[in-house]
C-alpha atoms as a PDB file:
ATOM      1  CA  UNK A   1    -110.482  60.073 -41.173  1.00  0.00           C
ATOM      2  CA  UNK A   2    -107.533  62.100 -39.957  1.00  0.00           C
ATOM      3  CA  UNK A   3    -105.939  59.051 -38.278  1.00  0.00           C
ATOM      4  CA  UNK A   4    -106.084  56.673 -41.261  1.00  0.00           C
ATOM      5  CA  UNK A   5    -103.161  56.463 -43.678  1.00  0.00           C
ATOM      6  CA  UNK A   6    -103.296  57.863 -47.192  1.00  0.00           C
ATOM      7  CA  UNK A   7    -104.363  55.315 -49.826  1.00  0.00           C
ATOM      8  CA  UNK A   8    -103.537  57.006 -53.126  1.00  0.00           C
ATOM      9  CA  UNK A   9    -100.004  57.878 -54.148  1.00  0.00           C
ATOM     10  CA  UNK A  10     -99.508  61.441 -55.445  1.00  0.00           C
ATOM     11  CA  UNK A  11     -99.144  60.090 -58.995  1.00  0.00           C
ATOM     12  CA  UNK A  12    -101.950  57.477 -58.812  1.00  0.00           C
ATOM     13  CA  UNK A  13    -104.886  57.741 -61.216  1.00  0.00           C
ATOM     14  CA  UNK A  14    -108.189  55.943 -60.574  1.00  0.00           C
ATOM     15  CA  UNK A  15    -110.383  55.557 -63.634  1.00  0.00           C
ATOM     16  CA  UNK A  16    -113.547  53.787 -64.701  1.00  0.00           C
ATOM     17  CA  UNK A  17    -113.487  53.646 -68.484  1.00  0.00           C
ATOM     18  CA  UNK A  18    -113.831  57.095 -69.996  1.00  0.00           C
ATOM     19  CA  UNK A  19    -116.541  58.148 -67.531  1.00  0.00           C
ATOM     20  CA  UNK A  20    -114.682  58.675 -64.238  1.00  0.00           C
ATOM     21  CA  UNK A  21    -111.089  59.696 -63.633  1.00  0.00           C
ATOM     22  CA  UNK A  22    -109.555  60.908 -60.388  1.00  0.00           C
ATOM     23  CA  UNK A  23    -105.984  62.006 -60.235  1.00  0.00           C
ATOM     24  CA  UNK A  24    -103.191  62.138 -60.245  1.00  0.00           C
ATOM     25  CA  UNK A  25    -103.558  61.862 -56.480  1.00  0.00           C
ATOM     26  CA  UNK A  26    -106.968  63.036 -55.274  1.00  0.00           C
ATOM     27  CA  UNK A  27    -107.535  65.622 -57.984  1.00  0.00           C
ATOM     28  CA  UNK A  28    -108.439  66.767 -60.583  1.00  0.00           C
ATOM     29  CA  UNK A  29    -111.708  64.841 -60.987  1.00  0.00           C
ATOM     30  CA  UNK A  30    -113.577  64.016 -64.197  1.00  0.00           C
ATOM     31  CA  UNK A  31    -117.094  62.693 -63.664  1.00  0.00           C
ATOM     32  CA  UNK A  32    -118.800  62.313 -67.023  1.00  0.00           C
ATOM     33  CA  UNK A  33    -118.906  65.785 -68.596  1.00  0.00           C
ATOM     34  CA  UNK A  34    -118.029  67.521 -65.306  1.00  0.00           C
ATOM     35  CA  UNK A  35    -114.492  68.423 -64.256  1.00  0.00           C
ATOM     36  CA  UNK A  36    -113.495  69.889 -60.901  1.00  0.00           C
ATOM     37  CA  UNK A  37    -110.826  69.890 -58.208  1.00  0.00           C
ATOM     38  CA  UNK A  38    -111.416  68.996 -54.583  1.00  0.00           C
ATOM     39  CA  UNK A  39    -110.761  71.755 -52.053  1.00  0.00           C
ATOM     40  CA  UNK A  40    -108.584  69.323 -50.060  1.00  0.00           C
ATOM     41  CA  UNK A  41    -106.536  68.093 -53.045  1.00  0.00           C
ATOM     42  CA  UNK A  42    -103.252  69.423 -51.621  1.00  0.00           C
ATOM     43  CA  UNK A  43    -103.780  68.059 -48.101  1.00  0.00           C
ATOM     44  CA  UNK A  44    -101.662  65.052 -47.126  1.00  0.00           C
ATOM     45  CA  UNK A  45    -101.063  62.760 -44.192  1.00  0.00           C
ATOM     46  CA  UNK A  46    -104.537  61.302 -43.789  1.00  0.00           C
ATOM     47  CA  UNK A  47    -107.189  59.382 -45.709  1.00  0.00           C
ATOM     48  CA  UNK A  48    -109.098  61.858 -47.885  1.00  0.00           C
ATOM     49  CA  UNK A  49    -112.817  61.241 -48.751  1.00  0.00           C
ATOM     50  CA  UNK A  50    -112.146  59.922 -52.259  1.00  0.00           C
ATOM     51  CA  UNK A  51    -109.692  57.417 -50.791  1.00  0.00           C
ATOM     52  CA  UNK A  52    -112.302  56.094 -48.381  1.00  0.00           C
ATOM     53  CA  UNK A  53    -114.796  55.740 -51.243  1.00  0.00           C
ATOM     54  CA  UNK A  54    -112.137  53.908 -53.291  1.00  0.00           C
ATOM     55  CA  UNK A  55    -111.424  51.529 -50.397  1.00  0.00           C
ATOM     56  CA  UNK A  56    -115.140  50.765 -50.038  1.00  0.00           C
ATOM     57  CA  UNK A  57    -115.538  50.227 -53.785  1.00  0.00           C
ATOM     58  CA  UNK A  58    -112.572  47.847 -53.872  1.00  0.00           C
ATOM     59  CA  UNK A  59    -114.032  45.928 -50.900  1.00  0.00           C
ATOM     60  CA  UNK A  60    -117.397  45.654 -52.667  1.00  0.00           C
ATOM     61  CA  UNK A  61    -115.768  44.372 -55.869  1.00  0.00           C
ATOM     62  CA  UNK A  62    -113.794  41.824 -53.818  1.00  0.00           C
ATOM     63  CA  UNK A  63    -116.911  40.533 -52.044  1.00  0.00           C
ATOM     64  CA  UNK A  64    -119.126  40.405 -55.132  1.00  0.00           C
ATOM     65  CA  UNK A  65    -116.355  38.758 -57.173  1.00  0.00           C
ATOM     66  CA  UNK A  66    -115.925  36.039 -54.537  1.00  0.00           C
ATOM     67  CA  UNK A  67    -119.493  35.802 -53.295  1.00  0.00           C
ATOM     68  CA  UNK A  68    -119.514  32.027 -52.726  1.00  0.00           C
ATOM     69  CA  UNK A  69    -116.351  32.216 -50.607  1.00  0.00           C
ATOM     70  CA  UNK A  70    -117.766  34.977 -48.381  1.00  0.00           C
ATOM     71  CA  UNK A  71    -121.357  33.754 -48.215  1.00  0.00           C
ATOM     72  CA  UNK A  72    -121.061  30.052 -47.583  1.00  0.00           C
ATOM     73  CA  UNK A  73    -124.623  29.825 -46.258  1.00  0.00           C
ATOM     74  CA  UNK A  74    -127.135  32.198 -47.888  1.00  0.00           C
ATOM     75  CA  UNK A  75    -129.562  31.756 -44.968  1.00  0.00           C
ATOM     76  CA  UNK A  76    -127.454  34.351 -43.118  1.00  0.00           C
ATOM     77  CA  UNK A  77    -127.053  36.927 -45.894  1.00  0.00           C
ATOM     78  CA  UNK A  78    -129.562  39.223 -44.148  1.00  0.00           C
ATOM     79  CA  UNK A  79    -127.480  39.299 -40.944  1.00  0.00           C
ATOM     80  CA  UNK A  80    -125.737  42.621 -41.426  1.00  0.00           C
ATOM     81  CA  UNK A  81    -123.478  44.859 -39.417  1.00  0.00           C
ATOM     82  CA  UNK A  82    -121.154  42.337 -37.859  1.00  0.00           C
ATOM     83  CA  UNK A  83    -117.821  40.709 -38.555  1.00  0.00           C
ATOM     84  CA  UNK A  84    -116.865  37.223 -37.443  1.00  0.00           C
ATOM     85  CA  UNK A  85    -113.562  35.493 -38.103  1.00  0.00           C
ATOM     86  CA  UNK A  86    -113.617  31.745 -37.559  1.00  0.00           C
ATOM     87  CA  UNK A  87    -111.006  29.017 -37.598  1.00  0.00           C
ATOM     88  CA  UNK A  88    -113.167  25.954 -38.055  1.00  0.00           C
ATOM     89  CA  UNK A  89    -115.632  26.195 -35.180  1.00  0.00           C
ATOM     90  CA  UNK A  90    -113.392  28.464 -33.074  1.00  0.00           C
ATOM     91  CA  UNK A  91    -114.410  32.136 -32.972  1.00  0.00           C
ATOM     92  CA  UNK A  92    -111.235  34.207 -33.345  1.00  0.00           C
ATOM     93  CA  UNK A  93    -112.795  37.670 -33.641  1.00  0.00           C
ATOM     94  CA  UNK A  94    -116.265  39.157 -33.269  1.00  0.00           C
ATOM     95  CA  UNK A  95    -117.479  42.703 -33.884  1.00  0.00           C
ATOM     96  CA  UNK A  96    -121.106  43.866 -33.820  1.00  0.00           C
ATOM     97  CA  UNK A  97    -121.753  47.214 -35.467  1.00  0.00           C
ATOM     98  CA  UNK A  98    -122.437  50.450 -33.603  1.00  0.00           C
ATOM     99  CA  UNK A  99    -123.646  52.311 -36.674  1.00  0.00           C
ATOM    100  CA  UNK A 100    -123.882  52.454 -40.437  1.00  0.00           C
ATOM    101  CA  UNK A 101    -120.958  51.129 -42.520  1.00  0.00           C
ATOM    102  CA  UNK A 102    -118.881  49.872 -39.621  1.00  0.00           C
ATOM    103  CA  UNK A 103    -117.331  46.434 -39.520  1.00  0.00           C
ATOM    104  CA  UNK A 104    -114.456  46.818 -37.058  1.00  0.00           C
ATOM    105  CA  UNK A 105    -113.923  48.407 -33.649  1.00  0.00           C
ATOM    106  CA  UNK A 106    -110.942  50.210 -35.203  1.00  0.00           C
ATOM    107  CA  UNK A 107    -112.355  51.532 -38.486  1.00  0.00           C
ATOM    108  CA  UNK A 108    -109.303  53.635 -39.382  1.00  0.00           C
ATOM    109  CA  UNK A 109    -107.257  50.426 -39.287  1.00  0.00           C
ATOM    110  CA  UNK A 110    -109.843  47.622 -39.415  1.00  0.00           C
ATOM    111  CA  UNK A 111    -107.375  44.732 -39.358  1.00  0.00           C
ATOM    112  CA  UNK A 112    -105.616  45.862 -36.175  1.00  0.00           C
ATOM    113  CA  UNK A 113    -107.748  43.786 -33.828  1.00  0.00           C
END
């Protein structure tokens, strides 16, 4: 997303045990026994693909780690592709998806509603 801000500092390293390591920045990458560098590793000023994947992974960990807070009524767990923000019974924000993996009308900055 060329309009979204960068997420990883040039010296940041993202790692999962000894299996996955990305960085510093968005390259080099170690994935198990494989090592490579992304062709866009020197590009700056926008959210690179690995940053988007990292954002999604962090969101998934947040939701799964706080499942009961996010899913207060499991009868609605199969209702996918929408975001609702409520204050008691008052609907403050509503977004119904237009495609896969969307949850905001402004996906590059999802909290700018």
